[in-house]
Amino acid sequence: MKRSGLFLIGFITIIFLTACGGGLKNDTPVTAAKTLMRGLNEGDRELIDEINRSGDYFPIDYLLDVTRPLNIKDVDNINDFKFVQDKDDENIVTVNFKDCEGIEHFIKLLLSDEKDEYFFVNIEDYGSKK
């Protein structure tokens, strides 16, 4: 009886941790940038909304419209995005990637620090490299 009770408690704990695990990944500027790019790549409006603190400046629909020409959705694997944190300002992360046509794009993100978590607040620059 005692063993089955311990097993049940362990099982419930595993279920709880699996259901609640992960959460929003934004403990550094780079992980926050990865979370935003994953949301843009997958078209995950809920994830974008969680990481977006730009207020009315970049509402989700506008953010998706602005980044649409960069073909972020065409990138097959999240690991194909390269993230470089600015040496002078740790809250700026530049993301480089190639779309399915081989065109290299970049997007420079500004992230804000809020109680040891980082959130997207602005696009500093973006475009294609030729």
N, C-alpha and C. Protein backbone atom coordinates (compact mmCIF):
# COMPACT_ATOMS: atom_id res chain seq x y z
N MET A 1 0.83 -1.19 0.00
CA MET A 1 0.00 0.00 0.00
C MET A 1 0.87 1.25 0.00
N LYS A 2 1.92 1.21 0.84
CA LYS A 2 2.81 2.36 0.95
C LYS A 2 3.52 2.63 -0.38
N ARG A 3 3.91 1.55 -1.06
CA ARG A 3 4.60 1.68 -2.35
C ARG A 3 3.69 2.28 -3.41
N SER A 4 2.45 1.84 -3.45
CA SER A 4 1.53 2.37 -4.47
C SER A 4 1.23 3.85 -4.21
N GLY A 5 1.20 4.25 -2.93
CA GLY A 5 1.00 5.67 -2.60
C GLY A 5 2.18 6.51 -3.08
N LEU A 6 3.40 6.01 -2.86
CA LEU A 6 4.60 6.72 -3.32
C LEU A 6 4.64 6.77 -4.85
N PHE A 7 4.26 5.64 -5.47
CA PHE A 7 4.22 5.61 -6.93
C PHE A 7 3.23 6.65 -7.46
N LEU A 8 2.06 6.71 -6.85
CA LEU A 8 1.03 7.66 -7.28
C LEU A 8 1.52 9.10 -7.13
N ILE A 9 2.16 9.42 -6.02
CA ILE A 9 2.69 10.77 -5.80
C ILE A 9 3.77 11.09 -6.85
N GLY A 10 4.66 10.13 -7.09
CA GLY A 10 5.69 10.32 -8.11
C GLY A 10 5.10 10.53 -9.49
N PHE A 11 4.10 9.73 -9.82
CA PHE A 11 3.44 9.83 -11.13
C PHE A 11 2.77 11.20 -11.30
N ILE A 12 2.07 11.64 -10.28
CA ILE A 12 1.39 12.94 -10.34
C ILE A 12 2.42 14.07 -10.47
N THR A 13 3.53 13.96 -9.77
CA THR A 13 4.59 14.96 -9.87
C THR A 13 5.15 15.03 -11.29
N ILE A 14 5.39 13.87 -11.89
CA ILE A 14 5.90 13.83 -13.26
C ILE A 14 4.90 14.46 -14.23
N ILE A 15 3.64 14.14 -14.09
CA ILE A 15 2.60 14.72 -14.95
C ILE A 15 2.57 16.24 -14.79
N PHE A 16 2.61 16.70 -13.55
CA PHE A 16 2.57 18.14 -13.27
C PHE A 16 3.78 18.84 -13.89
N LEU A 17 4.97 18.29 -13.71
CA LEU A 17 6.17 18.91 -14.26
C LEU A 17 6.17 18.90 -15.78
N THR A 18 5.65 17.85 -16.36
CA THR A 18 5.57 17.79 -17.82
C THR A 18 4.58 18.82 -18.35
N ALA A 19 3.45 18.96 -17.71
CA ALA A 19 2.43 19.91 -18.15
C ALA A 19 2.88 21.35 -17.96
N CYS A 20 3.57 21.62 -16.87
CA CYS A 20 3.97 22.99 -16.56
C CYS A 20 5.40 23.28 -16.97
N GLY A 21 6.13 22.26 -17.36
CA GLY A 21 7.55 22.44 -17.66
C GLY A 21 7.78 23.32 -18.86
N GLY A 22 8.98 23.82 -18.95
CA GLY A 22 9.33 24.65 -20.07
C GLY A 22 8.93 26.08 -19.82
N GLY A 23 7.68 26.37 -20.01
CA GLY A 23 7.22 27.74 -19.83
C GLY A 23 7.86 28.64 -20.87
N LEU A 24 7.79 29.91 -20.62
CA LEU A 24 8.37 30.92 -21.51
C LEU A 24 9.87 30.94 -21.30
N LYS A 25 10.61 30.73 -22.35
CA LYS A 25 12.07 30.73 -22.26
C LYS A 25 12.57 32.14 -22.58
N ASN A 26 12.93 32.87 -21.53
CA ASN A 26 13.37 34.25 -21.73
C ASN A 26 14.29 34.74 -20.62
N ASP A 27 15.13 33.84 -20.12
CA ASP A 27 16.00 34.23 -19.01
C ASP A 27 17.24 35.00 -19.45
N THR A 28 17.53 35.05 -20.74
CA THR A 28 18.61 35.86 -21.29
C THR A 28 18.08 36.55 -22.55
N PRO A 29 18.76 37.59 -23.02
CA PRO A 29 18.32 38.22 -24.28
C PRO A 29 18.31 37.24 -25.45
N VAL A 30 19.29 36.36 -25.51
CA VAL A 30 19.36 35.40 -26.62
C VAL A 30 18.22 34.40 -26.55
N THR A 31 17.91 33.86 -25.36
CA THR A 31 16.80 32.91 -25.27
C THR A 31 15.47 33.60 -25.56
N ALA A 32 15.33 34.85 -25.18
CA ALA A 32 14.10 35.59 -25.51
C ALA A 32 14.00 35.81 -27.02
N ALA A 33 15.13 36.12 -27.66
CA ALA A 33 15.14 36.29 -29.12
C ALA A 33 14.79 34.97 -29.81
N LYS A 34 15.31 33.86 -29.29
CA LYS A 34 14.98 32.54 -29.85
C LYS A 34 13.49 32.25 -29.70
N THR A 35 12.93 32.61 -28.56
CA THR A 35 11.50 32.39 -28.34
C THR A 35 10.67 33.20 -29.33
N LEU A 36 11.04 34.47 -29.52
CA LEU A 36 10.31 35.31 -30.49
C LEU A 36 10.43 34.73 -31.89
N MET A 37 11.63 34.35 -32.28
CA MET A 37 11.83 33.82 -33.64
C MET A 37 11.08 32.51 -33.83
N ARG A 38 11.02 31.68 -32.79
CA ARG A 38 10.24 30.44 -32.89
C ARG A 38 8.77 30.78 -33.10
N GLY A 39 8.26 31.78 -32.37
CA GLY A 39 6.88 32.19 -32.54
C GLY A 39 6.61 32.72 -33.94
N LEU A 40 7.53 33.53 -34.47
CA LEU A 40 7.36 34.07 -35.82
C LEU A 40 7.47 32.96 -36.86
N ASN A 41 8.39 32.04 -36.65
CA ASN A 41 8.60 30.93 -37.58
C ASN A 41 7.39 30.02 -37.64
N GLU A 42 6.79 29.75 -36.48
CA GLU A 42 5.64 28.84 -36.41
C GLU A 42 4.31 29.56 -36.55
N GLY A 43 4.34 30.90 -36.57
CA GLY A 43 3.09 31.65 -36.60
C GLY A 43 2.29 31.48 -35.32
N ASP A 44 3.00 31.28 -34.22
CA ASP A 44 2.37 31.02 -32.92
C ASP A 44 2.05 32.35 -32.24
N ARG A 45 0.84 32.83 -32.46
CA ARG A 45 0.42 34.14 -31.95
C ARG A 45 0.45 34.20 -30.41
N GLU A 46 0.12 33.09 -29.77
CA GLU A 46 0.11 33.04 -28.30
C GLU A 46 1.54 33.21 -27.75
N LEU A 47 2.48 32.52 -28.35
CA LEU A 47 3.87 32.63 -27.92
C LEU A 47 4.40 34.04 -28.18
N ILE A 48 4.09 34.59 -29.34
CA ILE A 48 4.52 35.96 -29.66
C ILE A 48 3.94 36.93 -28.63
N ASP A 49 2.68 36.74 -28.31
CA ASP A 49 2.03 37.62 -27.34
C ASP A 49 2.69 37.55 -25.96
N GLU A 50 3.13 36.36 -25.56
CA GLU A 50 3.78 36.20 -24.25
C GLU A 50 5.13 36.90 -24.17
N ILE A 51 5.87 36.92 -25.28
CA ILE A 51 7.22 37.49 -25.28
C ILE A 51 7.23 38.96 -25.70
N ASN A 52 6.13 39.45 -26.23
CA ASN A 52 6.04 40.82 -26.78
C ASN A 52 5.66 41.83 -25.71
N ARG A 53 6.54 42.80 -25.47
CA ARG A 53 6.25 43.89 -24.55
C ARG A 53 6.39 45.24 -25.25
N SER A 54 6.15 45.24 -26.55
CA SER A 54 6.30 46.47 -27.32
C SER A 54 5.08 47.37 -27.25
N GLY A 55 4.03 46.89 -26.59
CA GLY A 55 2.81 47.69 -26.49
C GLY A 55 2.17 47.90 -27.85
N ASP A 56 1.71 49.10 -28.10
CA ASP A 56 1.05 49.39 -29.37
C ASP A 56 2.04 49.57 -30.52
N TYR A 57 3.33 49.61 -30.22
CA TYR A 57 4.34 49.85 -31.26
C TYR A 57 4.46 48.67 -32.22
N PHE A 58 4.42 47.45 -31.70
CA PHE A 58 4.49 46.24 -32.52
C PHE A 58 3.43 45.24 -32.09
N PRO A 59 2.13 45.54 -32.31
CA PRO A 59 1.13 44.52 -32.02
C PRO A 59 1.38 43.30 -32.92
N ILE A 60 0.84 42.17 -32.55
CA ILE A 60 1.17 40.92 -33.24
C ILE A 60 0.95 40.99 -34.74
N ASP A 61 -0.20 41.48 -35.19
CA ASP A 61 -0.46 41.53 -36.64
C ASP A 61 0.56 42.40 -37.37
N TYR A 62 0.91 43.53 -36.78
CA TYR A 62 1.89 44.41 -37.40
C TYR A 62 3.27 43.75 -37.42
N LEU A 63 3.64 43.10 -36.32
CA LEU A 63 4.92 42.40 -36.25
C LEU A 63 5.00 41.31 -37.32
N LEU A 64 3.93 40.56 -37.50
CA LEU A 64 3.91 39.53 -38.54
C LEU A 64 3.98 40.15 -39.94
N ASP A 65 3.30 41.28 -40.15
CA ASP A 65 3.35 41.96 -41.45
C ASP A 65 4.74 42.50 -41.76
N VAL A 66 5.37 43.12 -40.76
CA VAL A 66 6.70 43.72 -40.97
C VAL A 66 7.73 42.64 -41.28
N THR A 67 7.63 41.50 -40.63
CA THR A 67 8.63 40.45 -40.81
C THR A 67 8.31 39.49 -41.97
N ARG A 68 7.11 39.59 -42.53
CA ARG A 68 6.72 38.68 -43.62
C ARG A 68 7.70 38.69 -44.79
N PRO A 69 8.19 39.86 -45.25
CA PRO A 69 9.15 39.85 -46.38
C PRO A 69 10.46 39.13 -46.08
N LEU A 70 10.75 38.89 -44.81
CA LEU A 70 11.98 38.19 -44.45
C LEU A 70 11.85 36.67 -44.58
N ASN A 71 10.65 36.21 -44.88
CA ASN A 71 10.40 34.77 -45.09
C ASN A 71 10.81 33.92 -43.89
N ILE A 72 10.54 34.40 -42.69
CA ILE A 72 10.91 33.67 -41.48
C ILE A 72 10.21 32.32 -41.42
N LYS A 73 8.98 32.25 -41.93
CA LYS A 73 8.24 30.98 -41.90
C LYS A 73 8.86 29.92 -42.81
N ASP A 74 9.69 30.35 -43.78
CA ASP A 74 10.31 29.41 -44.71
C ASP A 74 11.53 28.70 -44.13
N VAL A 75 12.00 29.14 -42.99
CA VAL A 75 13.17 28.51 -42.37
C VAL A 75 12.71 27.18 -41.77
N ASP A 76 13.34 26.10 -42.20
CA ASP A 76 12.90 24.75 -41.82
C ASP A 76 13.15 24.41 -40.35
N ASN A 77 14.26 24.86 -39.83
CA ASN A 77 14.68 24.42 -38.50
C ASN A 77 15.06 25.64 -37.66
N ILE A 78 14.61 25.69 -36.44
CA ILE A 78 14.92 26.82 -35.55
C ILE A 78 16.43 26.95 -35.36
N ASN A 79 17.16 25.86 -35.52
CA ASN A 79 18.63 25.90 -35.40
C ASN A 79 19.30 26.59 -36.58
N ASP A 80 18.54 26.88 -37.64
CA ASP A 80 19.09 27.59 -38.79
C ASP A 80 19.19 29.09 -38.54
N PHE A 81 18.60 29.56 -37.46
CA PHE A 81 18.74 30.97 -37.07
C PHE A 81 20.04 31.11 -36.27
N LYS A 82 20.82 32.13 -36.58
CA LYS A 82 22.06 32.41 -35.84
C LYS A 82 21.82 33.67 -35.00
N PHE A 83 22.08 33.57 -33.71
CA PHE A 83 21.82 34.65 -32.76
C PHE A 83 23.14 35.23 -32.27
N VAL A 84 23.32 36.55 -32.43
CA VAL A 84 24.54 37.22 -31.98
C VAL A 84 24.16 38.37 -31.07
N GLN A 85 24.64 38.29 -29.84
CA GLN A 85 24.37 39.34 -28.86
C GLN A 85 25.36 40.48 -29.07
N ASP A 86 24.86 41.71 -29.07
CA ASP A 86 25.69 42.89 -29.27
C ASP A 86 26.70 43.03 -28.13
N LYS A 87 27.94 43.38 -28.48
CA LYS A 87 28.98 43.52 -27.47
C LYS A 87 28.81 44.78 -26.62
N ASP A 88 28.25 45.83 -27.22
CA ASP A 88 28.09 47.10 -26.50
C ASP A 88 26.79 47.19 -25.72
N ASP A 89 25.75 46.51 -26.20
CA ASP A 89 24.45 46.54 -25.54
C ASP A 89 23.89 45.12 -25.50
N GLU A 90 23.94 44.49 -24.34
CA GLU A 90 23.52 43.09 -24.23
C GLU A 90 22.05 42.88 -24.54
N ASN A 91 21.26 43.93 -24.57
CA ASN A 91 19.83 43.80 -24.85
C ASN A 91 19.52 43.81 -26.34
N ILE A 92 20.54 43.91 -27.17
CA ILE A 92 20.34 43.85 -28.62
C ILE A 92 20.88 42.52 -29.13
N VAL A 93 20.03 41.81 -29.87
CA VAL A 93 20.41 40.53 -30.46
C VAL A 93 20.11 40.58 -31.95
N THR A 94 21.11 40.29 -32.76
CA THR A 94 20.92 40.22 -34.20
C THR A 94 20.74 38.77 -34.61
N VAL A 95 19.71 38.53 -35.40
CA VAL A 95 19.40 37.18 -35.87
C VAL A 95 19.67 37.14 -37.37
N ASN A 96 20.49 36.20 -37.80
CA ASN A 96 20.80 36.00 -39.22
C ASN A 96 20.26 34.64 -39.64
N PHE A 97 19.75 34.59 -40.87
CA PHE A 97 19.21 33.32 -41.38
C PHE A 97 19.04 33.41 -42.88
N LYS A 98 18.93 32.24 -43.51
CA LYS A 98 18.67 32.15 -44.94
C LYS A 98 17.29 31.55 -45.14
N ASP A 99 16.57 32.09 -46.14
CA ASP A 99 15.26 31.52 -46.46
C ASP A 99 15.44 30.36 -47.43
N CYS A 100 14.33 29.78 -47.89
CA CYS A 100 14.40 28.60 -48.75
C CYS A 100 15.02 28.89 -50.11
N GLU A 101 15.10 30.16 -50.49
CA GLU A 101 15.72 30.54 -51.76
C GLU A 101 17.20 30.88 -51.60
N GLY A 102 17.71 30.75 -50.38
CA GLY A 102 19.12 31.02 -50.12
C GLY A 102 19.45 32.48 -49.88
N ILE A 103 18.43 33.32 -49.77
CA ILE A 103 18.65 34.74 -49.50
C ILE A 103 18.89 34.92 -48.01
N GLU A 104 19.99 35.62 -47.68
CA GLU A 104 20.32 35.84 -46.27
C GLU A 104 19.60 37.08 -45.76
N HIS A 105 18.98 36.93 -44.60
CA HIS A 105 18.24 38.02 -43.96
C HIS A 105 18.79 38.27 -42.57
N PHE A 106 18.48 39.45 -42.04
CA PHE A 106 18.84 39.73 -40.66
C PHE A 106 17.73 40.54 -40.02
N ILE A 107 17.65 40.42 -38.70
CA ILE A 107 16.71 41.22 -37.93
C ILE A 107 17.39 41.53 -36.59
N LYS A 108 17.46 42.80 -36.27
CA LYS A 108 18.10 43.24 -35.03
C LYS A 108 17.01 43.55 -34.01
N LEU A 109 16.99 42.79 -32.92
CA LEU A 109 15.94 42.88 -31.92
C LEU A 109 16.43 43.60 -30.66
N LEU A 110 15.57 44.44 -30.10
CA LEU A 110 15.84 45.05 -28.81
C LEU A 110 14.96 44.35 -27.79
N LEU A 111 15.58 43.91 -26.70
CA LEU A 111 14.86 43.20 -25.65
C LEU A 111 15.01 43.97 -24.34
N SER A 112 13.97 43.96 -23.54
CA SER A 112 14.04 44.67 -22.26
C SER A 112 14.17 43.67 -21.12
N ASP A 113 14.84 44.11 -20.07
CA ASP A 113 15.06 43.29 -18.89
C ASP A 113 14.00 43.66 -17.85
N GLU A 114 13.19 42.68 -17.48
CA GLU A 114 12.16 42.88 -16.47
C GLU A 114 12.26 41.78 -15.43
N LYS A 115 12.85 42.10 -14.29
CA LYS A 115 12.97 41.14 -13.18
C LYS A 115 13.61 39.83 -13.62
N ASP A 116 14.79 39.92 -14.21
CA ASP A 116 15.56 38.77 -14.65
C ASP A 116 14.90 37.97 -15.77
N GLU A 117 13.98 38.58 -16.48
CA GLU A 117 13.40 38.00 -17.68
C GLU A 117 13.51 39.04 -18.79
N TYR A 118 13.61 38.58 -20.01
CA TYR A 118 13.76 39.49 -21.15
C TYR A 118 12.56 39.34 -22.08
N PHE A 119 12.15 40.48 -22.66
CA PHE A 119 11.00 40.52 -23.55
C PHE A 119 11.32 41.38 -24.76
N PHE A 120 10.68 41.05 -25.89
CA PHE A 120 10.83 41.84 -27.11
C PHE A 120 10.16 43.19 -26.95
N VAL A 121 10.87 44.27 -27.35
CA VAL A 121 10.27 45.60 -27.31
C VAL A 121 10.38 46.36 -28.63
N ASN A 122 11.35 45.99 -29.49
CA ASN A 122 11.50 46.76 -30.73
C ASN A 122 12.36 46.01 -31.73
N ILE A 123 12.14 46.33 -33.00
CA ILE A 123 13.04 45.90 -34.07
C ILE A 123 13.89 47.11 -34.40
N GLU A 124 15.19 46.99 -34.17
CA GLU A 124 16.11 48.09 -34.43
C GLU A 124 16.40 48.24 -35.92
N ASP A 125 16.47 47.12 -36.61
CA ASP A 125 16.80 47.13 -38.03
C ASP A 125 16.46 45.76 -38.59
N TYR A 126 16.22 45.68 -39.88
CA TYR A 126 15.98 44.39 -40.52
C TYR A 126 16.18 44.55 -42.02
N GLY A 127 16.37 43.44 -42.69
CA GLY A 127 16.51 43.49 -44.14
C GLY A 127 17.15 42.23 -44.69
N SER A 128 17.59 42.35 -45.94
CA SER A 128 18.22 41.24 -46.64
C SER A 128 19.64 41.64 -47.02
N LYS A 129 20.53 40.67 -46.98
CA LYS A 129 21.91 40.91 -47.37
C LYS A 129 22.09 40.38 -48.79
N LYS A 130 22.69 41.20 -49.60
CA LYS A 130 22.87 40.79 -51.00
C LYS A 130 24.34 40.72 -51.34
